[in-house]
Amino acid sequence: MKILILGAGGVGGYLGARFIQKGQQVEFLLRPNTAAVVQRSGLSLRSPLGDWSGSGDIADTQSGPFDLVILSCKAFDLDAALQDVRPFIQRGTYILPLLNGVQHLDRISQTLPNARLLGGVAHIGATTEGPGKIVHLNKLATFLAGPLQNGAPIPDGLSELFAETDGDDLTMQLVDDASHHMWTKLVFLATLAASTCLHDADIGTILTRTDGKQLILNLLHEAQRISASEGFDLPAGDLTRYREQLTEPGSTATASMLRDMRAARSTEVEHILGDLVGRAIRNNIETPNLVAALLHVRAYEQQRASA
């Protein structure tokens, strides 16, 4: 299977590095400055699950078409990313987006109607320390993918790719209904983002404040109700695990949205909190805590834009 990965950040860089390490045919589509560095110096991965360094092939006008295109960009870069990958897609090419949330699915289908869209989730903490330098922050590196509807066939090529690359340093899981997994992650991520952004603090610090725990649980309940209204009831086991993770005393967990705010970067607020609140309004669900978090981050974005 010939694979194109758009981006070599924490998610795309880690996945691509492990794929190359395991002998897969991979090319990266990168911005010119990043591509120049990777062509000159290669890729490097520092990880608790094992370091790696090597060369990374860069896609150009002579590349493609590809069997699988993996999107690992930020949600606010999606429109530009779809135009960038368009020349590398033929009828029947599979697209696997590893973006947060669910809003991007409709945009991809509308922009690239000839592609075959899959659903996917990345459970990983990773970042970069410069172009082509990927840093894995913990031991979690699990990627899920599959059809967007239960009962749809799983492509043979995808099954083979996952079987060939699954291992101790990269957990690859095929699922029958990727949409459900995407919604499940969105509920957790929205709760984490809303709570940590509102307080400008990690989970452990929030829990030391008056009503901090109740705020987190209220946010989780609001996000859960929105998911259920869209036809995705979270399994009881997932909810129990999320409550435990989000109310763990001393936890240093923060959302990437807060880390972006602290670094004066753009956030995915509309793709995560904005999308959820919009769905709540359409489904007549009261979400005062999510709305407060959304307005807080929107105010940051407005100040950032005018700076």
Protein backbone atom coordinates (compact mmCIF):
# COMPACT_ATOMS: atom_id res chain seq x y z
CA MET A 1 0.00 0.00 0.00
CA LYS A 2 1.41 3.37 -1.06
CA ILE A 3 0.85 5.90 1.74
CA LEU A 4 0.91 9.70 1.79
CA ILE A 5 1.01 11.46 5.16
CA LEU A 6 0.15 15.13 5.23
CA GLY A 7 2.25 16.71 7.95
CA ALA A 8 5.09 15.48 10.11
CA GLY A 9 4.03 16.87 13.46
CA GLY A 10 3.48 14.83 16.58
CA VAL A 11 0.79 12.54 15.15
CA GLY A 12 1.82 12.26 11.51
CA GLY A 13 5.52 12.27 12.29
CA TYR A 14 5.24 9.46 14.84
CA LEU A 15 3.03 7.32 12.64
CA GLY A 16 5.16 7.90 9.56
CA ALA A 17 8.41 7.17 11.38
CA ARG A 18 7.09 3.87 12.71
CA PHE A 19 5.70 2.93 9.29
CA ILE A 20 9.09 3.58 7.65
CA GLN A 21 10.81 1.65 10.43
CA LYS A 22 8.53 -1.31 9.65
CA GLY A 23 9.22 -1.22 5.91
CA GLN A 24 6.11 0.56 4.61
CA GLN A 25 6.11 2.75 1.48
CA VAL A 26 5.54 6.23 2.87
CA GLU A 27 5.91 9.77 1.55
CA PHE A 28 5.27 13.03 3.41
CA LEU A 29 3.57 16.13 2.05
CA LEU A 30 5.16 19.05 3.89
CA ARG A 31 5.47 22.80 3.77
CA PRO A 32 8.54 23.90 1.75
CA ASN A 33 10.64 24.96 4.76
CA THR A 34 9.91 21.74 6.65
CA ALA A 35 10.48 19.65 3.54
CA ALA A 36 13.90 21.24 2.99
CA VAL A 37 15.01 20.38 6.53
CA VAL A 38 13.74 16.81 6.33
CA GLN A 39 15.41 16.26 2.97
CA ARG A 40 18.68 17.53 4.38
CA SER A 41 18.65 16.05 7.88
CA GLY A 42 16.03 13.29 7.80
CA LEU A 43 13.56 12.41 10.53
CA SER A 44 14.23 11.64 14.16
CA LEU A 45 11.93 10.20 16.80
CA ARG A 46 12.58 10.22 20.53
CA SER A 47 10.22 7.93 22.37
CA PRO A 48 9.96 5.88 25.59
CA LEU A 49 9.00 3.03 23.26
CA GLY A 50 12.25 3.28 21.30
CA ASP A 51 14.12 5.98 19.40
CA TRP A 52 14.52 6.01 15.62
CA SER A 53 16.13 8.15 12.96
CA GLY A 54 16.28 7.86 9.19
CA SER A 55 15.33 9.47 5.91
CA GLY A 56 11.84 10.50 4.92
CA ASP A 57 10.68 10.70 1.30
CA ILE A 58 8.97 13.96 0.34
CA ALA A 59 6.07 13.95 -2.12
CA ASP A 60 6.31 16.22 -5.17
CA THR A 61 4.43 16.75 -8.43
CA GLN A 62 5.70 13.41 -9.75
CA SER A 63 4.40 11.44 -6.77
CA GLY A 64 1.18 9.52 -6.55
CA PRO A 65 -1.46 8.58 -6.87
CA PHE A 66 -1.62 6.97 -3.43
CA ASP A 67 -3.68 4.13 -2.02
CA LEU A 68 -4.05 5.80 1.39
CA VAL A 69 -3.81 9.47 2.36
CA ILE A 70 -3.50 10.20 6.09
CA LEU A 71 -4.40 13.70 7.25
CA SER A 72 -2.71 14.74 10.49
CA CYS A 73 -3.09 18.53 10.32
CA LYS A 74 -4.85 20.85 12.75
CA ALA A 75 -8.54 21.41 12.05
CA PHE A 76 -8.04 25.07 11.14
CA ASP A 77 -5.61 24.00 8.38
CA LEU A 78 -7.99 21.43 6.89
CA ASP A 79 -9.30 23.44 3.91
CA ALA A 80 -5.79 24.20 2.69
CA ALA A 81 -4.72 20.62 3.37
CA LEU A 82 -7.51 19.20 1.23
CA GLN A 83 -6.42 21.35 -1.70
CA ASP A 84 -2.83 20.23 -1.18
CA VAL A 85 -3.67 16.50 -1.32
CA ARG A 86 -6.15 16.75 -4.21
CA PRO A 87 -3.51 16.08 -6.95
CA PHE A 88 -2.45 12.85 -5.22
CA ILE A 89 -5.89 11.28 -5.05
CA GLN A 90 -7.53 9.04 -7.61
CA ARG A 91 -10.96 7.43 -7.57
CA GLY A 92 -10.81 4.79 -4.87
CA THR A 93 -8.05 6.37 -2.79
CA TYR A 94 -8.77 5.99 0.91
CA ILE A 95 -8.52 9.04 3.17
CA LEU A 96 -7.89 8.55 6.87
CA PRO A 97 -8.21 11.80 8.86
CA LEU A 98 -6.66 11.75 12.33
CA LEU A 99 -8.10 15.08 13.43
CA ASN A 100 -9.87 15.83 16.67
CA GLY A 101 -13.65 16.03 16.62
CA VAL A 102 -16.10 15.00 13.89
CA GLN A 103 -16.88 18.22 12.03
CA HIS A 104 -14.20 17.57 9.42
CA LEU A 105 -15.92 14.50 7.96
CA ASP A 106 -18.53 16.47 6.00
CA ARG A 107 -15.94 18.93 4.71
CA ILE A 108 -13.72 16.14 3.40
CA SER A 109 -16.64 14.36 1.70
CA GLN A 110 -17.75 17.57 0.00
CA THR A 111 -14.27 18.59 -1.15
CA LEU A 112 -13.01 15.17 -2.27
CA PRO A 113 -16.10 13.20 -3.35
CA ASN A 114 -14.07 10.62 -5.30
CA ALA A 115 -12.09 9.53 -2.26
CA ARG A 116 -13.24 6.78 0.09
CA LEU A 117 -13.46 8.28 3.54
CA LEU A 118 -12.55 6.36 6.68
CA GLY A 119 -12.81 7.34 10.32
CA GLY A 120 -9.85 7.41 12.65
CA VAL A 121 -8.67 8.29 16.13
CA ALA A 122 -5.14 8.92 17.40
CA HIS A 123 -4.48 8.32 21.08
CA ILE A 124 -0.98 9.70 21.51
CA GLY A 125 0.91 12.47 23.27
CA ALA A 126 3.54 13.77 20.88
CA THR A 127 5.00 17.04 19.67
CA THR A 128 7.97 18.35 17.71
CA GLU A 129 11.19 20.15 18.60
CA GLY A 130 11.73 21.57 15.15
CA PRO A 131 11.10 20.29 11.62
CA GLY A 132 11.37 16.50 11.43
CA LYS A 133 12.17 16.13 15.15
CA ILE A 134 9.33 14.22 16.80
CA VAL A 135 9.11 13.76 20.56
CA HIS A 136 6.80 11.13 22.06
CA LEU A 137 5.67 12.34 25.49
CA ASN A 138 4.42 9.09 27.03
CA LYS A 139 3.96 5.40 26.26
CA LEU A 140 0.55 5.74 24.63
CA ALA A 141 0.60 5.28 20.85
CA THR A 142 -2.68 3.78 19.71
CA PHE A 143 -4.31 4.44 16.36
CA LEU A 144 -7.81 3.27 15.44
CA ALA A 145 -9.41 3.28 12.00
CA GLY A 146 -12.32 1.76 10.18
CA PRO A 147 -15.59 2.45 8.34
CA LEU A 148 -17.77 5.32 9.47
CA GLN A 149 -20.80 3.04 9.71
CA ASN A 150 -21.11 -0.32 11.39
CA GLY A 151 -21.47 -3.08 8.83
CA ALA A 152 -19.44 -1.42 6.08
CA PRO A 153 -16.50 -3.52 4.84
CA ILE A 154 -12.98 -2.91 6.09
CA PRO A 155 -10.59 -2.52 3.11
CA ASP A 156 -8.23 -5.48 2.66
CA GLY A 157 -5.27 -3.17 2.20
CA LEU A 158 -5.98 -1.44 5.48
CA SER A 159 -6.24 -4.77 7.29
CA GLU A 160 -2.87 -5.81 5.90
CA LEU A 161 -1.26 -2.47 6.81
CA PHE A 162 -2.50 -2.64 10.39
CA ALA A 163 -1.42 -6.26 10.79
CA GLU A 164 2.07 -5.50 9.46
CA THR A 165 2.66 -2.43 11.63
CA ASP A 166 1.00 -3.35 14.93
CA GLY A 167 3.52 -3.90 17.72
CA ASP A 168 4.86 -2.78 21.08
CA ASP A 169 5.76 0.69 19.79
CA LEU A 170 2.63 1.23 17.69
CA THR A 171 -0.79 -0.21 18.52
CA MET A 172 -2.95 -0.39 15.39
CA GLN A 173 -6.60 -1.29 15.86
CA LEU A 174 -9.28 -1.84 13.23
CA VAL A 175 -12.81 -1.01 14.38
CA ASP A 176 -16.21 -1.71 12.85
CA ASP A 177 -17.66 1.74 13.65
CA ALA A 178 -15.06 4.50 13.72
CA SER A 179 -17.68 7.22 14.23
CA HIS A 180 -18.51 5.92 17.69
CA HIS A 181 -14.85 6.01 18.71
CA MET A 182 -14.47 9.54 17.33
CA TRP A 183 -17.44 10.77 19.36
CA THR A 184 -16.15 9.02 22.46
CA LYS A 185 -12.81 10.80 22.18
CA LEU A 186 -14.56 14.11 21.45
CA VAL A 187 -16.53 13.93 24.71
CA PHE A 188 -13.34 13.38 26.70
CA LEU A 189 -11.32 15.97 24.79
CA ALA A 190 -14.00 18.65 25.04
CA THR A 191 -14.28 18.14 28.79
CA LEU A 192 -10.52 18.34 29.25
CA ALA A 193 -10.19 21.39 26.99
CA ALA A 194 -13.12 23.29 28.51
CA SER A 195 -12.06 22.71 32.10
CA THR A 196 -8.34 23.41 31.72
CA CYS A 197 -8.86 26.45 29.47
CA LEU A 198 -11.46 27.99 31.78
CA HIS A 199 -9.12 27.66 34.78
CA ASP A 200 -5.81 28.06 32.92
CA ALA A 201 -4.64 25.10 34.98
CA ASP A 202 -4.07 21.36 34.89
CA ILE A 203 -6.61 18.88 36.24
CA GLY A 204 -4.85 18.45 39.58
CA THR A 205 -4.87 22.18 40.25
CA ILE A 206 -8.55 22.52 39.26
CA LEU A 207 -9.45 19.79 41.74
CA THR A 208 -7.96 21.82 44.61
CA ARG A 209 -10.33 24.71 43.90
CA THR A 210 -13.83 25.09 45.27
CA ASP A 211 -16.32 23.19 43.11
CA GLY A 212 -13.51 22.27 40.69
CA LYS A 213 -14.46 18.61 40.60
CA GLN A 214 -18.12 19.39 40.10
CA LEU A 215 -17.31 21.71 37.20
CA ILE A 216 -15.40 18.94 35.45
CA LEU A 217 -18.23 16.45 35.98
CA ASN A 218 -20.80 18.98 34.75
CA LEU A 219 -18.79 19.53 31.57
CA LEU A 220 -18.52 15.78 31.03
CA HIS A 221 -22.28 15.40 31.48
CA GLU A 222 -23.03 18.17 29.00
CA ALA A 223 -20.72 16.70 26.35
CA GLN A 224 -22.15 13.24 26.95
CA ARG A 225 -25.72 14.49 26.44
CA ILE A 226 -24.77 16.11 23.13
CA SER A 227 -23.15 12.90 21.93
CA ALA A 228 -26.26 10.91 22.86
CA SER A 229 -28.47 13.40 21.03
CA GLU A 230 -26.42 12.75 17.88
CA GLY A 231 -26.96 8.99 18.21
CA PHE A 232 -23.75 8.05 20.00
CA ASP A 233 -24.30 6.84 23.56
CA LEU A 234 -20.99 6.36 25.34
CA PRO A 235 -20.42 2.93 26.87
CA ALA A 236 -20.69 2.91 30.66
CA GLY A 237 -17.11 1.65 30.95
CA ASP A 238 -15.76 4.61 28.99
CA LEU A 239 -17.69 7.09 31.12
CA THR A 240 -16.39 5.51 34.30
CA ARG A 241 -12.82 5.65 33.00
CA TYR A 242 -13.21 9.28 31.93
CA ARG A 243 -14.57 10.30 35.32
CA GLU A 244 -11.58 8.68 36.98
CA GLN A 245 -9.03 10.24 34.61
CA LEU A 246 -10.59 13.71 34.76
CA THR A 247 -10.83 13.76 38.56
CA GLU A 248 -7.50 12.17 39.45
CA PRO A 249 -5.88 14.14 42.30
CA GLY A 250 -2.51 15.53 41.34
CA SER A 251 -3.02 14.96 37.61
CA THR A 252 -0.87 17.21 35.43
CA ALA A 253 -3.09 16.68 32.39
CA THR A 254 -3.90 19.71 30.22
CA ALA A 255 -5.51 19.98 26.82
CA SER A 256 -3.52 20.89 23.73
CA MET A 257 -5.96 23.79 23.37
CA LEU A 258 -4.63 25.30 26.59
CA ARG A 259 -1.04 24.68 25.52
CA ASP A 260 -1.79 26.50 22.25
CA MET A 261 -3.28 29.43 24.16
CA ARG A 262 -0.25 29.68 26.42
CA ALA A 263 1.99 29.72 23.35
CA ALA A 264 -0.16 32.36 21.60
CA ARG A 265 -1.09 29.96 18.81
CA SER A 266 -4.37 29.32 17.00
CA THR A 267 -6.67 26.80 18.66
CA GLU A 268 -9.19 24.21 17.46
CA VAL A 269 -11.92 25.82 19.57
CA GLU A 270 -14.53 25.97 16.81
CA HIS A 271 -13.89 22.41 15.69
CA ILE A 272 -14.30 21.05 19.23
CA LEU A 273 -16.23 23.35 21.58
CA GLY A 274 -17.93 25.41 18.87
CA ASP A 275 -19.19 22.32 17.07
CA LEU A 276 -20.53 20.76 20.27
CA VAL A 277 -22.32 23.92 21.39
CA GLY A 278 -23.83 24.33 17.94
CA ARG A 279 -25.21 20.80 18.08
CA ALA A 280 -26.53 21.43 21.60
CA ILE A 281 -28.44 24.48 20.39
CA ARG A 282 -29.96 22.54 17.48
CA ASN A 283 -30.98 19.73 19.85
CA ASN A 284 -32.31 22.05 22.58
CA ILE A 285 -29.75 20.96 25.19
CA GLU A 286 -28.66 23.35 27.93
CA THR A 287 -24.85 23.53 28.14
CA PRO A 288 -23.95 26.56 30.30
CA ASN A 289 -20.48 25.31 31.20
CA LEU A 290 -19.46 24.45 27.64
CA VAL A 291 -20.80 27.82 26.48
CA ALA A 292 -18.71 29.60 29.12
CA ALA A 293 -15.58 27.77 27.98
CA LEU A 294 -16.35 28.47 24.32
CA LEU A 295 -16.79 32.19 24.94
CA HIS A 296 -13.58 32.27 26.98
CA VAL A 297 -11.48 30.77 24.19
CA ARG A 298 -13.25 32.82 21.52
CA ALA A 299 -12.26 35.95 23.45
CA TYR A 300 -8.66 34.76 23.38
CA GLU A 301 -8.86 34.21 19.61
CA GLN A 302 -10.28 37.69 19.08
CA GLN A 303 -7.51 39.27 21.16
CA ARG A 304 -4.92 37.24 19.33
CA ALA A 305 -6.30 38.34 15.94
CA SER A 306 -6.20 42.01 16.89
CA ALA A 307 -2.75 41.90 18.46
